[in-house]
């Protein structure tokens, strides 16, 4: 059995430290977790810090206060594959470089949403940004778990179409 530095910091210690520091995510070896430990995401190809930054980027591109970070994590989890990892690592490195160029330690550590959005606007015409933005359209909004949060009942075809489901729901007419 090989012991690594993983054993020096337990997951529980990492989570408690990140909560004390006010971090958005707890980033450990091979995982990203919510600061309240409500969810965790294992990463295999991407660096955990890259995945945390990607989740924050997704939230900044399509901000919904009512959506938990776990939905954004699910939306970008598909980039944690060997085919996408180099492009994502390079894109996040560029995003962090842009943040450092404006005096922030990194994109993830840029405290104000407005500053992060300004950084995204600077790269909005690039392939990396367009790939992430385009992927989020389906990756985020095709999650059935968030449909009720937006008041969407889902497709109606299997329920007889919109005439039988939702068309005549307004009672005040």
C-alpha atoms as a PDB file:
ATOM      1  CA  UNK A   1       0.000   0.000   0.000  1.00  0.00           C
ATOM      2  CA  UNK A   2       1.356   3.389  -0.977  1.00  0.00           C
ATOM      3  CA  UNK A   3       0.750   6.348   1.262  1.00  0.00           C
ATOM      4  CA  UNK A   4       0.682   9.800  -0.270  1.00  0.00           C
ATOM      5  CA  UNK A   5       0.084  13.292   0.997  1.00  0.00           C
ATOM      6  CA  UNK A   6      -3.623  12.522   0.783  1.00  0.00           C
ATOM      7  CA  UNK A   7      -3.486  11.132   4.303  1.00  0.00           C
ATOM      8  CA  UNK A   8      -2.183  14.395   5.771  1.00  0.00           C
ATOM      9  CA  UNK A   9      -5.470  16.214   5.240  1.00  0.00           C
ATOM     10  CA  UNK A  10      -8.741  14.412   5.627  1.00  0.00           C
ATOM     11  CA  UNK A  11     -11.803  15.355   3.646  1.00  0.00           C
ATOM     12  CA  UNK A  12     -13.533  16.501   6.823  1.00  0.00           C
ATOM     13  CA  UNK A  13     -10.596  18.791   7.684  1.00  0.00           C
ATOM     14  CA  UNK A  14     -10.529  20.180   4.175  1.00  0.00           C
ATOM     15  CA  UNK A  15     -14.247  20.927   4.232  1.00  0.00           C
ATOM     16  CA  UNK A  16     -14.076  22.622   7.613  1.00  0.00           C
ATOM     17  CA  UNK A  17     -11.116  24.747   6.564  1.00  0.00           C
ATOM     18  CA  UNK A  18     -12.765  25.839   3.352  1.00  0.00           C
ATOM     19  CA  UNK A  19     -15.919  26.817   5.226  1.00  0.00           C
ATOM     20  CA  UNK A  20     -13.885  28.817   7.697  1.00  0.00           C
ATOM     21  CA  UNK A  21     -12.099  30.625   4.878  1.00  0.00           C
ATOM     22  CA  UNK A  22     -15.355  31.424   3.089  1.00  0.00           C
ATOM     23  CA  UNK A  23     -14.362  29.606  -0.080  1.00  0.00           C
ATOM     24  CA  UNK A  24     -16.974  28.771  -2.676  1.00  0.00           C
ATOM     25  CA  UNK A  25     -15.843  25.182  -3.089  1.00  0.00           C
ATOM     26  CA  UNK A  26     -13.779  22.691  -1.181  1.00  0.00           C
ATOM     27  CA  UNK A  27     -11.068  21.436  -3.501  1.00  0.00           C
ATOM     28  CA  UNK A  28      -9.324  18.222  -2.564  1.00  0.00           C
ATOM     29  CA  UNK A  29      -7.220  15.603  -4.258  1.00  0.00           C
ATOM     30  CA  UNK A  30      -9.456  14.246  -6.970  1.00  0.00           C
ATOM     31  CA  UNK A  31     -12.657  15.953  -5.937  1.00  0.00           C
ATOM     32  CA  UNK A  32     -14.572  19.212  -5.729  1.00  0.00           C
ATOM     33  CA  UNK A  33     -17.255  19.609  -3.083  1.00  0.00           C
ATOM     34  CA  UNK A  34     -19.736  22.191  -1.948  1.00  0.00           C
ATOM     35  CA  UNK A  35     -18.586  24.188   1.021  1.00  0.00           C
ATOM     36  CA  UNK A  36     -21.510  22.815   3.020  1.00  0.00           C
ATOM     37  CA  UNK A  37     -20.677  19.259   1.887  1.00  0.00           C
ATOM     38  CA  UNK A  38     -24.103  18.943   0.252  1.00  0.00           C
ATOM     39  CA  UNK A  39     -22.517  17.418  -2.842  1.00  0.00           C
ATOM     40  CA  UNK A  40     -19.139  16.323  -4.121  1.00  0.00           C
ATOM     41  CA  UNK A  41     -17.861  15.631  -7.600  1.00  0.00           C
ATOM     42  CA  UNK A  42     -15.007  13.276  -8.358  1.00  0.00           C
ATOM     43  CA  UNK A  43     -12.693  14.447 -11.122  1.00  0.00           C
ATOM     44  CA  UNK A  44     -10.496  12.098 -13.103  1.00  0.00           C
ATOM     45  CA  UNK A  45      -8.942  13.968 -16.037  1.00  0.00           C
ATOM     46  CA  UNK A  46      -9.139  17.601 -14.932  1.00  0.00           C
ATOM     47  CA  UNK A  47      -7.387  19.126 -11.976  1.00  0.00           C
ATOM     48  CA  UNK A  48      -9.854  19.670  -9.124  1.00  0.00           C
ATOM     49  CA  UNK A  49      -9.097  23.406  -9.166  1.00  0.00           C
ATOM     50  CA  UNK A  50      -9.870  23.490 -12.884  1.00  0.00           C
ATOM     51  CA  UNK A  51     -13.230  21.809 -12.285  1.00  0.00           C
ATOM     52  CA  UNK A  52     -14.061  24.256  -9.476  1.00  0.00           C
ATOM     53  CA  UNK A  53     -13.216  27.177 -11.749  1.00  0.00           C
ATOM     54  CA  UNK A  54     -15.289  25.640 -14.551  1.00  0.00           C
ATOM     55  CA  UNK A  55     -18.289  25.314 -12.221  1.00  0.00           C
ATOM     56  CA  UNK A  56     -17.939  28.956 -11.164  1.00  0.00           C
ATOM     57  CA  UNK A  57     -17.582  29.989 -14.810  1.00  0.00           C
ATOM     58  CA  UNK A  58     -20.785  28.097 -15.641  1.00  0.00           C
ATOM     59  CA  UNK A  59     -22.605  29.881 -12.828  1.00  0.00           C
ATOM     60  CA  UNK A  60     -21.321  33.231 -14.061  1.00  0.00           C
ATOM     61  CA  UNK A  61     -22.380  32.548 -17.658  1.00  0.00           C
ATOM     62  CA  UNK A  62     -25.905  31.439 -16.728  1.00  0.00           C
ATOM     63  CA  UNK A  63     -26.548  32.869 -13.258  1.00  0.00           C
ATOM     64  CA  UNK A  64     -29.601  31.576 -11.454  1.00  0.00           C
ATOM     65  CA  UNK A  65     -29.711  32.304  -7.757  1.00  0.00           C
ATOM     66  CA  UNK A  66     -32.224  29.530  -7.187  1.00  0.00           C
ATOM     67  CA  UNK A  67     -29.974  26.834  -8.650  1.00  0.00           C
ATOM     68  CA  UNK A  68     -27.483  25.080  -6.417  1.00  0.00           C
ATOM     69  CA  UNK A  69     -23.917  24.651  -7.609  1.00  0.00           C
ATOM     70  CA  UNK A  70     -24.478  20.925  -7.998  1.00  0.00           C
ATOM     71  CA  UNK A  71     -26.573  21.519 -11.117  1.00  0.00           C
ATOM     72  CA  UNK A  72     -23.714  23.490 -12.663  1.00  0.00           C
ATOM     73  CA  UNK A  73     -21.317  20.709 -11.628  1.00  0.00           C
ATOM     74  CA  UNK A  74     -23.468  18.150 -13.419  1.00  0.00           C
ATOM     75  CA  UNK A  75     -23.613  20.419 -16.470  1.00  0.00           C
ATOM     76  CA  UNK A  76     -19.820  20.620 -16.825  1.00  0.00           C
ATOM     77  CA  UNK A  77     -18.919  17.113 -15.600  1.00  0.00           C
ATOM     78  CA  UNK A  78     -18.902  15.932 -19.221  1.00  0.00           C
ATOM     79  CA  UNK A  79     -15.692  17.882 -19.846  1.00  0.00           C
ATOM     80  CA  UNK A  80     -13.821  15.583 -17.433  1.00  0.00           C
ATOM     81  CA  UNK A  81     -12.820  13.197 -20.224  1.00  0.00           C
ATOM     82  CA  UNK A  82      -9.445  12.705 -21.941  1.00  0.00           C
ATOM     83  CA  UNK A  83     -10.689  14.275 -25.201  1.00  0.00           C
ATOM     84  CA  UNK A  84     -11.742  17.557 -23.586  1.00  0.00           C
ATOM     85  CA  UNK A  85      -9.316  17.892 -20.691  1.00  0.00           C
ATOM     86  CA  UNK A  86      -6.436  19.613 -22.579  1.00  0.00           C
ATOM     87  CA  UNK A  87      -8.759  22.264 -24.051  1.00  0.00           C
ATOM     88  CA  UNK A  88     -10.418  22.870 -20.675  1.00  0.00           C
ATOM     89  CA  UNK A  89      -7.113  23.067 -18.772  1.00  0.00           C
ATOM     90  CA  UNK A  90      -5.766  25.515 -21.357  1.00  0.00           C
ATOM     91  CA  UNK A  91      -8.928  27.623 -21.302  1.00  0.00           C
ATOM     92  CA  UNK A  92      -9.038  27.825 -17.522  1.00  0.00           C
ATOM     93  CA  UNK A  93      -5.321  28.666 -17.453  1.00  0.00           C
ATOM     94  CA  UNK A  94      -6.078  31.541 -19.836  1.00  0.00           C
ATOM     95  CA  UNK A  95      -8.950  32.659 -17.654  1.00  0.00           C
ATOM     96  CA  UNK A  96      -6.727  32.595 -14.565  1.00  0.00           C
ATOM     97  CA  UNK A  97      -4.027  34.512 -16.449  1.00  0.00           C
ATOM     98  CA  UNK A  98      -6.582  37.160 -17.375  1.00  0.00           C
ATOM     99  CA  UNK A  99      -7.627  37.377 -13.715  1.00  0.00           C
ATOM    100  CA  UNK A 100      -4.018  37.776 -12.577  1.00  0.00           C
ATOM    101  CA  UNK A 101      -3.583  40.447 -15.232  1.00  0.00           C
ATOM    102  CA  UNK A 102      -6.265  42.451 -13.454  1.00  0.00           C
ATOM    103  CA  UNK A 103      -4.740  41.930 -10.032  1.00  0.00           C
ATOM    104  CA  UNK A 104      -6.762  38.954  -8.786  1.00  0.00           C
ATOM    105  CA  UNK A 105      -5.095  35.743  -7.593  1.00  0.00           C
ATOM    106  CA  UNK A 106      -7.208  33.633  -9.975  1.00  0.00           C
ATOM    107  CA  UNK A 107     -10.632  33.598 -11.590  1.00  0.00           C
ATOM    108  CA  UNK A 108     -12.056  31.490  -8.773  1.00  0.00           C
ATOM    109  CA  UNK A 109     -10.638  33.841  -6.165  1.00  0.00           C
ATOM    110  CA  UNK A 110     -12.076  36.922  -7.859  1.00  0.00           C
ATOM    111  CA  UNK A 111     -14.584  37.863  -5.226  1.00  0.00           C
ATOM    112  CA  UNK A 112     -17.112  39.959  -7.088  1.00  0.00           C
ATOM    113  CA  UNK A 113     -19.342  38.510  -9.766  1.00  0.00           C
ATOM    114  CA  UNK A 114     -19.084  41.731 -11.757  1.00  0.00           C
ATOM    115  CA  UNK A 115     -15.295  41.353 -11.971  1.00  0.00           C
ATOM    116  CA  UNK A 116     -15.613  37.728 -13.063  1.00  0.00           C
ATOM    117  CA  UNK A 117     -18.184  38.659 -15.713  1.00  0.00           C
ATOM    118  CA  UNK A 118     -15.821  41.356 -17.012  1.00  0.00           C
ATOM    119  CA  UNK A 119     -13.154  38.683 -17.355  1.00  0.00           C
ATOM    120  CA  UNK A 120     -15.576  36.472 -19.269  1.00  0.00           C
ATOM    121  CA  UNK A 121     -16.553  39.339 -21.557  1.00  0.00           C
ATOM    122  CA  UNK A 122     -12.901  39.678 -22.470  1.00  0.00           C
ATOM    123  CA  UNK A 123     -12.888  36.141 -23.815  1.00  0.00           C
ATOM    124  CA  UNK A 124     -16.481  35.788 -25.017  1.00  0.00           C
ATOM    125  CA  UNK A 125     -15.565  35.554 -28.697  1.00  0.00           C
ATOM    126  CA  UNK A 126     -13.002  32.815 -28.160  1.00  0.00           C
ATOM    127  CA  UNK A 127     -13.524  29.143 -28.924  1.00  0.00           C
ATOM    128  CA  UNK A 128     -13.154  28.080 -25.289  1.00  0.00           C
ATOM    129  CA  UNK A 129     -15.870  30.397 -24.024  1.00  0.00           C
ATOM    130  CA  UNK A 130     -18.210  29.531 -26.888  1.00  0.00           C
ATOM    131  CA  UNK A 131     -17.693  25.811 -26.295  1.00  0.00           C
ATOM    132  CA  UNK A 132     -18.548  26.105 -22.609  1.00  0.00           C
ATOM    133  CA  UNK A 133     -21.478  28.463 -23.216  1.00  0.00           C
ATOM    134  CA  UNK A 134     -22.925  26.258 -25.922  1.00  0.00           C
ATOM    135  CA  UNK A 135     -22.518  23.109 -23.850  1.00  0.00           C
ATOM    136  CA  UNK A 136     -24.281  24.703 -20.916  1.00  0.00           C
ATOM    137  CA  UNK A 137     -27.424  25.341 -22.937  1.00  0.00           C
ATOM    138  CA  UNK A 138     -28.150  21.627 -23.008  1.00  0.00           C
ATOM    139  CA  UNK A 139     -25.999  20.483 -20.091  1.00  0.00           C
ATOM    140  CA  UNK A 140     -27.743  22.766 -17.633  1.00  0.00           C
ATOM    141  CA  UNK A 141     -31.247  23.230 -18.960  1.00  0.00           C
ATOM    142  CA  UNK A 142     -31.828  19.600 -19.983  1.00  0.00           C
ATOM    143  CA  UNK A 143     -31.599  18.467 -16.361  1.00  0.00           C
ATOM    144  CA  UNK A 144     -35.121  17.422 -15.441  1.00  0.00           C
ATOM    145  CA  UNK A 145     -34.432  18.160 -11.770  1.00  0.00           C
ATOM    146  CA  UNK A 146     -34.260  21.908 -12.443  1.00  0.00           C
ATOM    147  CA  UNK A 147     -37.353  22.150 -14.627  1.00  0.00           C
ATOM    148  CA  UNK A 148     -39.741  22.566 -11.687  1.00  0.00           C
ATOM    149  CA  UNK A 149     -37.532  25.373 -10.356  1.00  0.00           C
ATOM    150  CA  UNK A 150     -38.292  27.288 -13.554  1.00  0.00           C
ATOM    151  CA  UNK A 151     -41.966  26.324 -13.610  1.00  0.00           C
ATOM    152  CA  UNK A 152     -41.525  24.077 -16.639  1.00  0.00           C
ATOM    153  CA  UNK A 153     -43.610  20.905 -16.476  1.00  0.00           C
ATOM    154  CA  UNK A 154     -41.607  19.111 -19.141  1.00  0.00           C
ATOM    155  CA  UNK A 155     -42.569  17.877 -22.560  1.00  0.00           C
ATOM    156  CA  UNK A 156     -46.260  17.403 -23.200  1.00  0.00           C
ATOM    157  CA  UNK A 157     -46.311  15.002 -26.127  1.00  0.00           C
ATOM    158  CA  UNK A 158     -46.462  11.909 -23.926  1.00  0.00           C
ATOM    159  CA  UNK A 159     -49.297  13.515 -21.943  1.00  0.00           C
ATOM    160  CA  UNK A 160     -51.504  14.346 -24.923  1.00  0.00           C
ATOM    161  CA  UNK A 161     -49.833  17.573 -26.042  1.00  0.00           C
ATOM    162  CA  UNK A 162     -50.182  21.111 -24.764  1.00  0.00           C
ATOM    163  CA  UNK A 163     -53.919  21.275 -25.485  1.00  0.00           C
ATOM    164  CA  UNK A 164     -54.479  18.553 -22.876  1.00  0.00           C
ATOM    165  CA  UNK A 165     -51.734  19.755 -20.533  1.00  0.00           C
ATOM    166  CA  UNK A 166     -51.183  23.361 -19.639  1.00  0.00           C
ATOM    167  CA  UNK A 167     -52.938  25.161 -22.500  1.00  0.00           C
ATOM    168  CA  UNK A 168     -56.105  25.833 -20.569  1.00  0.00           C
ATOM    169  CA  UNK A 169     -54.612  26.125 -17.062  1.00  0.00           C
ATOM    170  CA  UNK A 170     -55.302  29.842 -16.698  1.00  0.00           C
ATOM    171  CA  UNK A 171     -58.400  30.143 -14.548  1.00  0.00           C
ATOM    172  CA  UNK A 172     -58.776  33.922 -14.623  1.00  0.00           C
ATOM    173  CA  UNK A 173     -59.853  34.151 -18.299  1.00  0.00           C
END
